[in-house]
Protein backbone atom coordinates (compact mmCIF):
# COMPACT_ATOMS: atom_id res chain seq x y z
CA MET A 1 -0.08 -0.34 0.24
CA SER A 2 0.95 4.00 -0.53
CA LEU A 3 0.39 6.53 1.36
CA PHE A 4 -1.23 9.66 -0.19
CA THR A 5 -1.92 13.59 0.89
CA TYR A 6 -4.55 15.28 -0.33
CA GLU A 7 -6.27 18.52 -0.20
CA GLY A 8 -10.21 18.77 -1.51
CA SER A 9 -13.33 19.74 -0.43
CA ASP A 10 -16.77 17.44 0.78
CA ASP A 11 -19.94 17.37 -0.34
CA PHE A 12 -21.16 20.26 1.44
CA GLY A 13 -17.82 22.45 0.07
CA LYS A 14 -16.19 22.31 3.08
CA PRO A 15 -12.42 22.12 2.85
CA ARG A 16 -10.75 18.24 3.58
CA SER A 17 -7.46 17.52 3.82
CA GLY A 18 -5.66 14.42 5.29
CA GLU A 19 -3.75 11.39 4.14
CA VAL A 20 -5.12 8.41 2.74
CA GLU A 21 -3.79 5.00 2.13
CA ALA A 22 -4.10 3.11 -1.36
CA PRO A 23 -2.39 0.57 -3.16
CA GLY A 24 -2.55 3.38 -6.38
CA LEU A 25 -3.78 6.84 -7.60
CA VAL A 26 -6.67 6.21 -8.89
CA GLU A 27 -7.53 3.70 -5.36
CA ALA A 28 -6.61 6.57 -3.82
CA ALA A 29 -9.53 8.77 -5.56
CA HIS A 30 -11.91 6.30 -5.67
CA LYS A 31 -11.59 5.67 -2.07
CA LEU A 32 -12.15 9.81 -1.11
CA ALA A 33 -14.95 9.79 -3.70
CA ALA A 34 -16.58 7.12 -1.47
CA GLU A 35 -16.29 8.90 1.40
CA GLY A 36 -17.66 12.02 -0.01
CA VAL A 37 -14.43 13.97 -0.53
CA ARG A 38 -13.55 15.73 -4.09
CA ALA A 39 -9.68 15.70 -4.12
CA ASP A 40 -8.39 18.40 -5.87
CA GLU A 41 -4.73 17.59 -4.60
CA LEU A 42 -3.55 14.10 -4.46
CA ALA A 43 0.07 13.43 -3.96
CA ILE A 44 1.85 10.37 -2.97
CA LYS A 45 3.73 10.69 0.46
CA ALA A 46 4.99 7.41 1.24
CA ARG A 47 5.24 4.70 -1.98
CA ALA A 48 4.92 1.04 -1.80
CA PRO A 49 7.66 -1.26 -1.57
CA VAL A 50 7.60 -2.53 -5.02
CA GLU A 51 6.87 -0.22 -7.76
CA PRO A 52 7.49 -1.65 -11.97
CA THR A 53 10.16 0.50 -13.98
CA VAL A 54 8.45 2.09 -16.85
CA ARG A 55 10.32 3.89 -19.76
CA ASP A 56 10.23 4.42 -23.40
CA VAL A 57 6.94 2.60 -24.69
CA ASP A 58 5.79 1.32 -21.66
CA ALA A 59 6.15 5.19 -20.06
CA PHE A 60 4.17 6.30 -22.78
CA VAL A 61 1.16 3.24 -22.40
CA PHE A 62 1.35 3.69 -18.23
CA PHE A 63 1.12 7.46 -18.34
CA ASN A 64 -2.20 7.35 -21.40
CA ARG A 65 -3.46 4.67 -19.47
CA SER A 66 -3.23 5.93 -15.65
CA LEU A 67 -4.24 9.67 -16.56
CA GLY A 68 -7.27 8.16 -18.11
CA ALA A 69 -8.32 6.70 -15.10
CA ALA A 70 -7.41 9.39 -12.77
CA LEU A 71 -9.37 11.80 -14.99
CA ALA A 72 -12.42 9.14 -15.20
CA ALA A 73 -11.86 9.44 -11.21
CA GLY A 74 -12.64 12.80 -10.88
CA LEU A 75 -8.84 14.50 -10.23
CA PRO A 76 -8.35 18.02 -11.69
CA LEU A 77 -5.96 17.45 -15.00
CA ALA A 78 -2.74 19.14 -13.36
CA ALA A 79 -2.89 17.18 -10.06
CA ALA A 80 -3.56 13.89 -12.32
CA ILE A 81 -0.04 14.91 -14.30
CA ARG A 82 1.58 15.12 -11.39
CA ALA A 83 0.51 12.30 -9.42
CA VAL A 84 0.70 9.93 -12.75
CA GLY A 85 4.67 11.41 -13.44
CA HIS A 86 5.61 10.07 -9.81
CA GLY A 87 5.12 6.45 -11.18
CA LEU A 88 7.38 6.75 -13.93
CA GLY A 89 10.86 5.66 -14.21
CA ARG A 90 13.53 8.50 -14.22
CA GLY A 91 14.02 10.09 -17.92
CA ALA A 92 13.58 12.21 -20.79
CA PHE A 93 9.74 11.21 -21.38
CA ARG A 94 9.39 11.53 -17.33
CA SER A 95 11.05 15.60 -17.20
CA GLY A 96 8.76 16.13 -20.25
CA VAL A 97 5.67 14.95 -18.27
CA GLU A 98 6.56 17.05 -15.67
CA ARG A 99 7.01 20.52 -17.69
CA VAL A 100 4.19 20.00 -18.73
CA GLU A 101 2.34 19.86 -15.26
CA ALA A 102 4.40 22.63 -14.62
CA ALA A 103 3.11 24.67 -17.49
CA LEU A 104 -0.50 23.68 -16.80
CA ARG A 105 -0.03 25.53 -13.27
CA GLU A 106 1.21 28.29 -14.83
CA GLY A 107 -2.29 29.00 -16.63
CA ARG A 108 -1.83 27.35 -19.88
CA THR A 109 -4.09 24.89 -21.74
CA LEU A 110 -3.12 21.25 -22.40
CA ALA A 111 -2.61 22.16 -26.03
CA GLU A 112 -0.18 24.78 -24.93
CA ALA A 113 1.68 22.69 -22.45
CA LEU A 114 1.98 19.58 -25.06
CA ALA A 115 3.03 21.84 -27.64
CA ARG A 116 6.09 23.06 -25.75
CA GLU A 117 7.32 19.22 -25.28
CA GLY A 118 7.20 18.58 -29.40
CA GLY A 119 9.80 15.39 -28.81
CA ALA A 120 8.16 13.34 -26.29
CA PHE A 121 4.24 14.58 -27.33
CA PRO A 122 4.48 14.38 -31.38
CA ALA A 123 2.13 16.30 -33.64
CA GLU A 124 -0.47 13.79 -34.00
CA TYR A 125 -0.62 12.46 -30.38
CA ARG A 126 -1.39 16.41 -29.52
CA MET A 127 -4.09 16.17 -32.20
CA MET A 128 -6.07 13.12 -30.59
CA ILE A 129 -5.74 14.74 -27.03
CA ASP A 130 -7.26 18.71 -28.57
CA ALA A 131 -9.96 16.07 -29.94
CA GLY A 132 -10.75 14.21 -26.92
CA ALA A 133 -10.47 17.21 -24.52
CA ALA A 134 -13.29 18.83 -26.95
CA SER A 135 -15.55 16.32 -27.54
CA GLY A 136 -15.54 16.23 -23.51
CA ASN A 137 -14.12 12.45 -24.07
CA LEU A 138 -10.39 12.90 -22.80
CA PRO A 139 -10.43 10.12 -20.03
CA HIS A 140 -11.49 7.61 -22.94
CA VAL A 141 -9.14 8.70 -25.70
CA LEU A 142 -6.35 8.49 -22.95
CA THR A 143 -6.95 4.85 -22.29
CA ALA A 144 -7.71 4.23 -25.79
CA VAL A 145 -4.07 5.71 -27.09
CA ALA A 146 -2.81 3.25 -24.06
CA SER A 147 -4.34 0.09 -25.47
CA HIS A 148 -3.47 0.46 -28.86
CA ALA A 149 0.21 1.57 -28.40
CA ALA A 150 0.55 -1.30 -25.99
CA MET A 151 -1.14 -3.68 -28.93
CA VAL A 152 1.02 -2.42 -31.72
CA ARG A 153 3.61 -2.83 -29.00
CA ALA A 154 3.08 -6.71 -28.28
CA LEU A 155 2.85 -7.34 -32.07
CA ARG A 156 6.49 -5.48 -33.08
CA ARG A 157 7.64 -7.26 -30.07
CA GLY A 158 6.27 -11.15 -31.51
CA LEU A 159 7.33 -10.40 -35.16
CA ALA A 160 11.05 -9.60 -33.21
CA THR A 161 11.00 -12.82 -31.58
CA ALA A 162 9.92 -14.55 -35.10
CA LEU A 163 13.16 -13.10 -36.31
CA VAL A 164 15.41 -13.27 -33.65
CA TYR A 165 14.77 -16.69 -32.01
CA PRO A 166 15.64 -18.34 -35.51
CA LEU A 167 19.04 -16.59 -35.69
CA LEU A 168 19.99 -17.27 -32.57
CA VAL A 169 19.64 -20.70 -33.41
CA VAL A 170 21.64 -20.48 -36.66
CA ALA A 171 24.20 -18.59 -34.29
CA MET A 172 24.59 -21.52 -32.47
CA GLY A 173 25.21 -24.19 -34.88
CA LEU A 174 27.79 -21.59 -36.16
CA GLY A 175 29.24 -21.56 -32.61
CA VAL A 176 29.01 -25.10 -32.23
CA PHE A 177 30.77 -25.52 -35.45
CA ALA A 178 33.41 -22.93 -35.06
CA GLY A 179 34.23 -24.53 -31.16
CA VAL A 180 34.55 -27.85 -32.25
CA ALA A 181 36.74 -27.21 -35.86
CA TRP A 182 38.83 -24.68 -33.36
CA THR A 183 40.02 -27.34 -30.99
CA SER A 184 39.86 -30.68 -33.15
CA LEU A 185 41.73 -29.37 -36.40
CA GLY A 186 45.09 -30.23 -35.25
CA GLN A 187 44.00 -33.33 -33.92
CA PHE A 188 42.44 -34.89 -36.90
CA ARG A 189 45.05 -33.48 -39.10
CA ALA A 190 47.51 -35.46 -37.08
CA LEU A 191 45.57 -38.33 -36.85
CA TYR A 192 45.76 -38.54 -40.71
CA ALA A 193 49.37 -38.09 -40.96
CA GLN A 194 49.97 -41.11 -38.35
CA PHE A 195 47.75 -43.35 -40.69
CA HIS A 196 48.84 -41.85 -44.02
CA ILE A 197 45.27 -40.87 -44.87
CA GLU A 198 44.80 -38.19 -47.32
CA ALA A 199 42.82 -35.30 -45.41
CA PRO A 200 39.58 -34.60 -46.91
CA PRO A 201 38.45 -31.21 -48.56
CA ALA A 202 36.56 -30.27 -45.64
CA LEU A 203 39.31 -30.05 -43.43
CA LEU A 204 41.45 -28.33 -45.61
CA GLY A 205 38.71 -25.68 -45.89
CA MET A 206 38.15 -25.67 -42.43
CA GLU A 207 41.97 -25.01 -41.92
CA TYR A 208 42.00 -22.26 -43.84
CA ALA A 209 39.11 -20.83 -42.23
CA PHE A 210 40.02 -21.44 -38.71
CA GLY A 211 43.65 -21.83 -38.99
CA SER A 212 43.98 -17.73 -37.73
CA MET A 213 41.65 -15.94 -35.90
CA ILE A 214 41.17 -13.20 -38.61
CA MET A 215 38.78 -15.15 -41.26
CA PRO A 216 36.61 -15.55 -38.56
CA VAL A 217 36.33 -12.65 -37.12
CA ALA A 218 36.26 -10.77 -40.35
CA ALA A 219 33.55 -13.06 -41.27
CA ILE A 220 31.81 -12.09 -38.03
CA GLY A 221 32.53 -8.15 -38.57
CA SER A 222 31.47 -8.12 -41.98
CA ILE A 223 28.22 -10.04 -41.79
CA ALA A 224 27.01 -8.04 -38.54
CA THR A 225 28.23 -4.85 -40.75
CA ALA A 226 25.86 -5.67 -43.30
CA MET A 227 22.93 -6.61 -41.31
CA LEU A 228 23.14 -3.07 -39.35
CA VAL A 229 23.23 -1.41 -42.71
CA ALA A 230 20.42 -3.05 -44.13
CA TRP A 231 18.39 -2.41 -40.82
CA LEU A 232 18.97 1.30 -40.99
CA VAL A 233 18.58 1.32 -44.49
CA CYS A 234 15.29 -0.24 -44.32
CA THR A 235 13.80 1.49 -41.12
CA ARG A 236 15.23 5.03 -41.77
CA THR A 237 14.71 5.71 -45.71
CA ILE A 238 11.66 5.27 -47.92
CA VAL A 239 13.44 3.02 -50.52
CA GLY A 240 14.20 1.05 -47.48
CA GLU A 241 10.64 0.81 -46.47
CA ARG A 242 9.65 0.05 -49.90
CA VAL A 243 12.34 -2.84 -50.01
CA LEU A 244 11.39 -3.84 -46.49
CA ALA A 245 7.42 -3.85 -47.62
CA GLY A 246 8.32 -5.72 -50.57
CA LEU A 247 10.08 -8.70 -48.64
CA PRO A 248 7.98 -12.36 -48.98
CA LEU A 249 6.80 -13.24 -45.26
CA LEU A 250 8.06 -10.65 -43.67
CA GLY A 251 6.98 -7.65 -45.78
CA PRO A 252 2.86 -8.49 -45.25
CA ALA A 253 3.39 -8.43 -41.53
CA VAL A 254 5.12 -5.01 -41.64
CA ARG A 255 2.64 -3.16 -43.55
CA GLY A 256 0.00 -4.63 -41.51
CA ILE A 257 1.25 -2.88 -38.53
CA TRP A 258 2.02 0.14 -40.61
CA THR A 259 -2.17 -0.28 -41.31
CA MET A 260 -2.79 -0.52 -37.59
CA ARG A 261 -0.89 2.52 -36.35
CA PHE A 262 -2.73 4.61 -39.31
CA LEU A 263 -6.38 2.94 -37.96
CA GLY A 264 -5.80 3.06 -34.60
CA ALA A 265 -5.08 6.83 -34.74
CA LEU A 266 -7.57 7.49 -37.21
CA ASP A 267 -10.17 6.00 -34.71
CA LEU A 268 -9.35 8.18 -31.98
CA LEU A 269 -8.95 10.93 -33.88
CA LEU A 270 -12.64 10.35 -35.66
CA THR A 271 -13.93 9.35 -32.03
CA GLY A 272 -12.81 13.09 -30.74
CA ARG A 273 -15.30 14.54 -33.58
CA ALA A 274 -11.56 15.90 -35.33
CA PRO A 275 -12.72 16.53 -38.80
CA LEU A 276 -11.90 13.65 -41.31
CA ALA A 277 -9.35 16.07 -43.71
CA LYS A 278 -7.09 16.66 -40.18
CA ALA A 279 -7.42 13.35 -38.94
CA ALA A 280 -6.58 11.34 -41.89
CA PRO A 281 -3.33 13.61 -42.01
CA ALA A 282 -2.11 13.02 -38.67
CA ALA A 283 -3.17 9.35 -38.47
CA ALA A 284 -0.21 9.17 -41.64
CA LEU A 285 1.89 10.62 -39.22
CA ALA A 286 1.28 8.46 -36.62
CA SER A 287 1.49 5.34 -38.50
CA GLY A 288 5.48 5.15 -38.33
CA ARG A 289 6.19 4.50 -42.16
CA ARG A 290 8.00 7.40 -43.38
CA GLY A 291 6.60 7.42 -47.10
CA TRP A 292 3.21 7.74 -45.46
CA ALA A 293 4.38 11.02 -43.60
CA ARG A 294 5.89 12.31 -46.62
CA ASP A 295 2.74 12.53 -48.27
CA ALA A 296 0.08 13.43 -45.39
CA GLU A 297 0.06 16.98 -46.54
CA ALA A 298 -1.48 15.62 -50.05
CA LEU A 299 -3.72 13.66 -48.47
CA GLY A 300 -5.23 16.02 -46.57
CA ARG A 301 -5.72 18.41 -49.70
CA ALA A 302 -7.60 15.76 -51.63
CA LEU A 303 -9.72 15.34 -48.38
CA ALA A 304 -9.98 19.19 -48.52
CA GLU A 305 -11.18 19.38 -51.97
CA ALA A 306 -13.92 16.96 -51.00
CA ARG A 307 -12.69 14.20 -52.59
CA PRO A 308 -13.55 10.12 -51.24
CA LEU A 309 -11.78 8.70 -48.72
CA GLY A 310 -11.11 5.91 -50.68
CA ASP A 311 -9.66 7.98 -53.55
CA ALA A 312 -7.82 10.28 -51.44
CA LEU A 313 -5.87 7.28 -49.55
CA GLY A 314 -4.45 6.84 -53.31
CA THR A 315 -2.05 9.68 -52.16
CA LEU A 316 -0.24 7.15 -49.77
CA GLY A 317 1.62 4.90 -51.55
CA GLY A 318 1.29 1.06 -50.87
CA PHE A 319 -1.81 1.68 -48.85
CA SER A 320 -3.67 -1.42 -48.70
CA GLY A 321 -6.59 -1.53 -51.23
CA LEU A 322 -8.95 -3.68 -49.18
CA THR A 323 -8.74 -0.99 -46.08
CA ALA A 324 -9.28 1.49 -49.06
CA ARG A 325 -12.26 0.01 -50.48
CA GLN A 326 -13.44 -0.89 -46.92
CA LEU A 327 -13.46 2.77 -45.47
CA ALA A 328 -14.64 4.01 -48.92
CA LEU A 329 -18.01 1.80 -47.90
CA GLY A 330 -17.73 2.98 -44.54
CA GLU A 331 -17.89 6.90 -45.60
CA ARG A 332 -20.56 6.29 -48.59
CA LEU A 333 -22.66 4.56 -45.32
CA GLY A 334 -22.26 7.25 -43.15
CA ALA A 335 -20.91 4.53 -41.14
CA LEU A 336 -16.79 5.59 -41.70
CA ASP A 337 -16.45 5.12 -37.35
CA ASP A 338 -17.26 1.63 -37.69
CA ALA A 339 -15.38 1.00 -40.84
CA VAL A 340 -12.59 2.19 -39.17
CA ARG A 341 -13.05 -0.01 -36.12
CA ASN A 342 -13.60 -3.32 -38.21
CA ALA A 343 -10.66 -2.84 -40.68
CA LEU A 344 -8.68 -2.31 -37.34
CA GLU A 345 -9.43 -5.35 -35.94
CA ARG A 346 -9.27 -7.00 -39.44
CA GLU A 347 -5.54 -5.64 -39.53
CA THR A 348 -4.99 -6.62 -36.13
CA ASP A 349 -6.06 -10.69 -36.54
CA GLU A 350 -3.56 -10.58 -39.95
CA VAL A 351 -0.83 -9.18 -38.46
CA GLY A 352 -1.20 -12.04 -35.43
CA ARG A 353 -1.46 -14.79 -37.90
CA GLY A 354 0.93 -13.43 -40.27
CA THR A 355 3.83 -13.28 -37.30
CA GLU A 356 2.60 -16.69 -36.11
CA SER A 357 3.28 -18.34 -39.92
CA LEU A 358 6.64 -16.61 -39.98
CA ALA A 359 7.63 -17.98 -36.85
CA MET A 360 6.62 -21.49 -37.76
CA ILE A 361 8.10 -21.66 -41.32
CA LEU A 362 11.69 -19.80 -39.96
CA GLU A 363 11.82 -21.53 -36.97
CA PRO A 364 12.00 -25.55 -38.52
CA LEU A 365 14.78 -24.13 -40.99
CA ALA A 366 16.93 -22.64 -38.64
CA ILE A 367 16.93 -25.91 -36.49
CA ALA A 368 17.81 -27.62 -39.73
CA ALA A 369 20.52 -25.25 -40.89
CA ALA A 370 22.15 -25.56 -37.51
CA ALA A 371 21.64 -29.35 -37.60
CA PHE A 372 23.31 -29.30 -41.09
CA LEU A 373 26.33 -27.72 -40.26
CA ILE A 374 26.90 -29.47 -36.97
CA GLY A 375 26.46 -32.86 -39.45
CA ALA A 376 28.52 -31.73 -42.18
CA LEU A 377 31.33 -30.69 -39.28
CA PHE A 378 31.03 -34.74 -38.20
CA VAL A 379 30.78 -36.36 -41.58
CA GLY A 380 33.85 -34.17 -43.20
CA LEU A 381 36.36 -34.83 -40.39
CA VAL A 382 35.16 -38.76 -39.48
CA ALA A 383 34.29 -40.14 -42.35
CA PRO A 384 37.48 -41.14 -44.16
CA TYR A 385 38.91 -42.21 -40.93
CA ALA A 386 35.79 -44.57 -41.33
CA VAL A 387 36.42 -45.88 -44.61
CA TRP A 388 40.16 -46.49 -43.66
CA LEU A 389 39.20 -48.40 -41.00
CA THR A 390 36.60 -50.07 -42.69
CA ARG A 391 39.48 -51.14 -45.68
CA MET A 392 41.62 -52.45 -42.69
CA ALA A 393 38.78 -54.92 -41.57
CA GLY A 394 38.31 -56.31 -44.68
């Protein structure tokens, strides 16, 4: 349990202050409300012994989810932000949250406070918050932002696991291959010489590759450098994104995550009653795809010219044709919000299934590759000696 101090008033307007014990901020606010106290200030005095550490995306999810719950419980915005900020791990995000809280206390609006912290709170996020505040449904928007960010994070981690695990299996196979070769080459070479057996090509090749540390180190460095350069190109350039999106197996999952982020942001903005001509470009910026961010302005102009959404989405290179048609149909039927949510659910399911399929294909291939390396090592070194023993026995 944590201990909180509070200042507020009761149902009759009488000032109230004191301390309350509760597991967390939201629970403390609910406990006070049940006692007829409206807390205008609620701050932690003594923290519970064990607290989760949240950083980066975790911090973003934690902040939005906790702030939405605190506002729904009736806490004033500045007090809620300050209290939630205490639960964040030390870092740039927490510092930004603290500066936002300070700006609110100076009398600035939430939009102005967030705009001053552009790095921690990008333009598309600020637009979502503005839309939620304008619609009077800010707690719901904050909770939805947190849920969507957590869902995308889980799918991205699943995709990363599907790629990293096979690489680790192959790396372990290469490690075993290199370790055995490094420690056994001399012994096998001496054995072949003792019995006057011609050294097999596999032994000669491994002697060339592992006779010194230069070749293995150079090979590992070259592979690592090539992988790093490929990753940077694919994630930091528009051309690389196109290559990544076109890869078999991996490309559909990556495209699906971009589309999910677009649809999730669009859903939040439309829920907050943001105009479509502003909501769609902001969603393109939130997608995480550089090409769509570049084309966001063209998308906004097309919608401002009253072009149908399905046609306007053609300005986003590589946007899913099926999703565009689904949104266009929803717009014609006057049910665009429902169409966006249905498309988001479909894309989420497809990305999940695609990630599972990718793992099911790559993992057996990686195991087979590792087994081939180890088997080739064994056969290449032992087979000539076995043939010689067979001849001696005959």
